[in-house]
Amino acid sequence: MKLIEQYHIGDNGYHPFLIRDGWQVAQLNYMPEQEIDNIKKLDVHHLTDEVFILLKGKAVLITAKIEGDQIEYDVELMQPKITYNIPVETWHNIAMEVGCEVIIVEKSNTHEGDFDFFELSVEKRIEMKALVEKAFS
């Protein structure tokens, strides 16, 4: 009798794979949209915190406080074996390098509708990119 379930996600992109009553686990593997040069927006969840755990590679978590047209960024280079929490109502994104894999834990079905986006101006993208590149180096 085998009671232990196993999951392995090898494909690029976002993959919710373990969805239970009230929560889900997903894996986000590198995809070009998560390279810093391609990040054009931030997102926010209104109903859930979002937990990130780095499995391999390099990634930088990006959070922001947005008031009107003012954006204050906070970025952090993720370390393996550290659990990072993005609190509910916090604007965020993640910059990833090729080969990166991250586990995400959040309320179930978050990917189906609990998100809004904030489109970044070219100026704010340049500012964010400089901070992320500094964190990566």
C-alpha atoms as a PDB file:
ATOM      1  CA  MET A   1       0.000   0.000   0.000  1.00  0.00           C
ATOM      2  CA  LYS A   2       1.420   3.411  -1.034  1.00  0.00           C
ATOM      3  CA  LEU A   3       0.019   6.420   0.844  1.00  0.00           C
ATOM      4  CA  ILE A   4       2.693   8.995   0.002  1.00  0.00           C
ATOM      5  CA  GLU A   5       1.947  11.074  -3.080  1.00  0.00           C
ATOM      6  CA  GLN A   6       4.815  12.447  -5.160  1.00  0.00           C
ATOM      7  CA  TYR A   7       4.866  15.341  -7.598  1.00  0.00           C
ATOM      8  CA  HIS A   8       7.506  16.519 -10.034  1.00  0.00           C
ATOM      9  CA  ILE A   9       6.953  19.493 -12.333  1.00  0.00           C
ATOM     10  CA  GLY A  10       9.517  19.784 -15.110  1.00  0.00           C
ATOM     11  CA  ASP A  11       7.789  22.126 -17.552  1.00  0.00           C
ATOM     12  CA  ASN A  12       8.376  25.876 -17.580  1.00  0.00           C
ATOM     13  CA  GLY A  13       5.644  28.155 -16.223  1.00  0.00           C
ATOM     14  CA  TYR A  14       3.151  28.185 -13.372  1.00  0.00           C
ATOM     15  CA  HIS A  15       1.631  24.844 -12.351  1.00  0.00           C
ATOM     16  CA  PRO A  16      -0.835  24.442  -9.441  1.00  0.00           C
ATOM     17  CA  PHE A  17      -0.497  20.730  -8.742  1.00  0.00           C
ATOM     18  CA  LEU A  18      -1.827  20.011  -5.257  1.00  0.00           C
ATOM     19  CA  ILE A  19      -5.175  21.701  -4.643  1.00  0.00           C
ATOM     20  CA  ARG A  20      -7.055  20.892  -1.479  1.00  0.00           C
ATOM     21  CA  ASP A  21      -9.912  22.427   0.467  1.00  0.00           C
ATOM     22  CA  GLY A  22      -8.799  26.010   1.059  1.00  0.00           C
ATOM     23  CA  TRP A  23      -5.151  25.821  -0.071  1.00  0.00           C
ATOM     24  CA  GLN A  24      -2.920  24.892  -2.963  1.00  0.00           C
ATOM     25  CA  VAL A  25       0.708  24.228  -3.813  1.00  0.00           C
ATOM     26  CA  ALA A  26       2.074  25.335  -7.166  1.00  0.00           C
ATOM     27  CA  GLN A  27       5.446  25.280  -8.814  1.00  0.00           C
ATOM     28  CA  LEU A  28       6.713  28.209 -10.845  1.00  0.00           C
ATOM     29  CA  ASN A  29       9.565  27.223 -13.139  1.00  0.00           C
ATOM     30  CA  TYR A  30      11.528  29.732 -15.159  1.00  0.00           C
ATOM     31  CA  MET A  31       9.711  31.237 -18.095  1.00  0.00           C
ATOM     32  CA  PRO A  32      10.803  34.184 -20.236  1.00  0.00           C
ATOM     33  CA  GLU A  33       7.977  36.371 -18.875  1.00  0.00           C
ATOM     34  CA  GLN A  34       9.738  36.322 -15.484  1.00  0.00           C
ATOM     35  CA  GLU A  35      13.060  37.671 -16.764  1.00  0.00           C
ATOM     36  CA  ILE A  36      13.560  41.183 -15.426  1.00  0.00           C
ATOM     37  CA  ASP A  37      13.590  42.701 -18.924  1.00  0.00           C
ATOM     38  CA  ASN A  38      10.122  41.257 -19.546  1.00  0.00           C
ATOM     39  CA  ILE A  39       8.357  42.208 -16.307  1.00  0.00           C
ATOM     40  CA  LYS A  40       5.921  44.996 -17.101  1.00  0.00           C
ATOM     41  CA  LYS A  41       3.453  44.735 -14.212  1.00  0.00           C
ATOM     42  CA  LEU A  42       2.953  43.856 -10.579  1.00  0.00           C
ATOM     43  CA  ASP A  43       0.114  41.804  -9.187  1.00  0.00           C
ATOM     44  CA  VAL A  44      -1.774  41.673  -5.902  1.00  0.00           C
ATOM     45  CA  HIS A  45      -3.973  39.077  -4.179  1.00  0.00           C
ATOM     46  CA  HIS A  46      -6.898  40.321  -2.097  1.00  0.00           C
ATOM     47  CA  LEU A  47      -7.748  37.030  -0.354  1.00  0.00           C
ATOM     48  CA  THR A  48      -4.449  35.317   0.376  1.00  0.00           C
ATOM     49  CA  ASP A  49      -0.867  35.614   1.465  1.00  0.00           C
ATOM     50  CA  GLU A  50       1.512  33.949  -0.974  1.00  0.00           C
ATOM     51  CA  VAL A  51       4.433  31.834   0.207  1.00  0.00           C
ATOM     52  CA  PHE A  52       7.545  31.325  -1.953  1.00  0.00           C
ATOM     53  CA  ILE A  53      10.298  28.737  -1.441  1.00  0.00           C
ATOM     54  CA  LEU A  54      13.303  28.606  -3.774  1.00  0.00           C
ATOM     55  CA  LEU A  55      14.114  25.085  -4.969  1.00  0.00           C
ATOM     56  CA  LYS A  56      16.971  25.908  -7.331  1.00  0.00           C
ATOM     57  CA  GLY A  57      18.462  28.700  -9.370  1.00  0.00           C
ATOM     58  CA  LYS A  58      18.297  32.435  -8.742  1.00  0.00           C
ATOM     59  CA  ALA A  59      15.216  34.574  -8.170  1.00  0.00           C
ATOM     60  CA  VAL A  60      14.487  37.995  -6.736  1.00  0.00           C
ATOM     61  CA  LEU A  61      11.192  38.737  -5.018  1.00  0.00           C
ATOM     62  CA  ILE A  62       9.859  42.202  -5.803  1.00  0.00           C
ATOM     63  CA  THR A  63       7.311  43.979  -3.614  1.00  0.00           C
ATOM     64  CA  ALA A  64       6.005  47.497  -3.856  1.00  0.00           C
ATOM     65  CA  LYS A  65       3.982  50.034  -1.986  1.00  0.00           C
ATOM     66  CA  ILE A  66       1.920  52.034  -4.471  1.00  0.00           C
ATOM     67  CA  GLU A  67       0.336  55.372  -3.574  1.00  0.00           C
ATOM     68  CA  GLY A  68      -0.992  57.303  -6.541  1.00  0.00           C
ATOM     69  CA  ASP A  69       1.849  57.488  -9.046  1.00  0.00           C
ATOM     70  CA  GLN A  70       4.498  56.871  -6.385  1.00  0.00           C
ATOM     71  CA  ILE A  71       6.028  53.390  -6.126  1.00  0.00           C
ATOM     72  CA  GLU A  72       8.407  52.304  -3.380  1.00  0.00           C
ATOM     73  CA  TYR A  73      10.098  48.989  -4.200  1.00  0.00           C
ATOM     74  CA  ASP A  74      11.568  46.377  -1.891  1.00  0.00           C
ATOM     75  CA  VAL A  75      13.532  43.530  -3.483  1.00  0.00           C
ATOM     76  CA  GLU A  76      15.205  40.466  -2.037  1.00  0.00           C
ATOM     77  CA  LEU A  77      17.443  37.810  -3.544  1.00  0.00           C
ATOM     78  CA  MET A  78      15.867  34.522  -2.524  1.00  0.00           C
ATOM     79  CA  GLN A  79      17.940  31.978  -0.638  1.00  0.00           C
ATOM     80  CA  PRO A  80      17.285  28.213  -0.668  1.00  0.00           C
ATOM     81  CA  LYS A  81      15.578  26.736   2.407  1.00  0.00           C
ATOM     82  CA  ILE A  82      14.038  30.096   3.390  1.00  0.00           C
ATOM     83  CA  THR A  83      10.263  30.560   3.393  1.00  0.00           C
ATOM     84  CA  TYR A  84       9.209  33.978   2.092  1.00  0.00           C
ATOM     85  CA  ASN A  85       5.703  35.317   2.649  1.00  0.00           C
ATOM     86  CA  ILE A  86       4.084  38.075   0.604  1.00  0.00           C
ATOM     87  CA  PRO A  87       1.173  39.322   2.740  1.00  0.00           C
ATOM     88  CA  VAL A  88      -2.310  39.762   1.323  1.00  0.00           C
ATOM     89  CA  GLU A  89      -2.796  43.127  -0.475  1.00  0.00           C
ATOM     90  CA  THR A  90       0.927  43.456  -1.265  1.00  0.00           C
ATOM     91  CA  TRP A  91       1.910  44.291  -4.850  1.00  0.00           C
ATOM     92  CA  HIS A  92       4.580  41.860  -6.042  1.00  0.00           C
ATOM     93  CA  ASN A  93       6.302  39.914  -8.786  1.00  0.00           C
ATOM     94  CA  ILE A  94       9.297  37.608  -9.088  1.00  0.00           C
ATOM     95  CA  ALA A  95      12.308  37.935 -11.380  1.00  0.00           C
ATOM     96  CA  MET A  96      13.830  34.599 -12.349  1.00  0.00           C
ATOM     97  CA  GLU A  97      16.935  33.432 -14.155  1.00  0.00           C
ATOM     98  CA  VAL A  98      17.036  30.429 -16.503  1.00  0.00           C
ATOM     99  CA  GLY A  99      16.724  27.147 -14.599  1.00  0.00           C
ATOM    100  CA  CYS A 100      15.028  28.647 -11.554  1.00  0.00           C
ATOM    101  CA  GLU A 101      12.299  26.673  -9.730  1.00  0.00           C
ATOM    102  CA  VAL A 102      10.089  28.027  -6.934  1.00  0.00           C
ATOM    103  CA  ILE A 103       7.315  26.436  -4.843  1.00  0.00           C
ATOM    104  CA  ILE A 104       4.291  28.648  -4.107  1.00  0.00           C
ATOM    105  CA  VAL A 105       1.674  28.019  -1.403  1.00  0.00           C
ATOM    106  CA  GLU A 106      -1.539  30.067  -1.309  1.00  0.00           C
ATOM    107  CA  LYS A 107      -5.309  29.782  -0.959  1.00  0.00           C
ATOM    108  CA  SER A 108      -6.884  27.401  -3.425  1.00  0.00           C
ATOM    109  CA  ASN A 109      -7.855  28.681  -6.847  1.00  0.00           C
ATOM    110  CA  THR A 110      -5.981  31.957  -6.385  1.00  0.00           C
ATOM    111  CA  HIS A 111      -4.795  31.581  -9.975  1.00  0.00           C
ATOM    112  CA  GLU A 112      -8.417  31.575 -11.174  1.00  0.00           C
ATOM    113  CA  GLY A 113      -9.321  35.120 -10.189  1.00  0.00           C
ATOM    114  CA  ASP A 114      -7.860  36.554  -6.982  1.00  0.00           C
ATOM    115  CA  PHE A 115      -5.498  38.994  -8.643  1.00  0.00           C
ATOM    116  CA  ASP A 116      -5.302  42.490 -10.036  1.00  0.00           C
ATOM    117  CA  PHE A 117      -2.485  43.962 -12.093  1.00  0.00           C
ATOM    118  CA  PHE A 118      -0.672  47.294 -11.998  1.00  0.00           C
ATOM    119  CA  GLU A 119       0.986  48.197 -15.293  1.00  0.00           C
ATOM    120  CA  LEU A 120       4.381  49.821 -14.745  1.00  0.00           C
ATOM    121  CA  SER A 121       5.516  52.871 -16.683  1.00  0.00           C
ATOM    122  CA  VAL A 122       8.812  52.631 -18.567  1.00  0.00           C
ATOM    123  CA  GLU A 123      10.414  54.820 -15.891  1.00  0.00           C
ATOM    124  CA  LYS A 124       9.214  52.559 -13.058  1.00  0.00           C
ATOM    125  CA  ARG A 125      10.340  49.444 -14.962  1.00  0.00           C
ATOM    126  CA  ILE A 126      13.841  50.917 -15.319  1.00  0.00           C
ATOM    127  CA  GLU A 127      13.907  51.724 -11.596  1.00  0.00           C
ATOM    128  CA  MET A 128      12.758  48.194 -10.699  1.00  0.00           C
ATOM    129  CA  LYS A 129      15.271  46.600 -13.101  1.00  0.00           C
ATOM    130  CA  ALA A 130      18.185  48.475 -11.515  1.00  0.00           C
ATOM    131  CA  LEU A 131      17.199  47.238  -8.034  1.00  0.00           C
ATOM    132  CA  VAL A 132      16.727  43.645  -9.206  1.00  0.00           C
ATOM    133  CA  GLU A 133      20.022  43.566 -11.108  1.00  0.00           C
ATOM    134  CA  LYS A 134      21.802  44.875  -8.022  1.00  0.00           C
ATOM    135  CA  ALA A 135      20.199  42.096  -5.942  1.00  0.00           C
ATOM    136  CA  PHE A 136      21.224  39.449  -8.497  1.00  0.00           C
ATOM    137  CA  SER A 137      24.873  40.633  -8.485  1.00  0.00           C
END
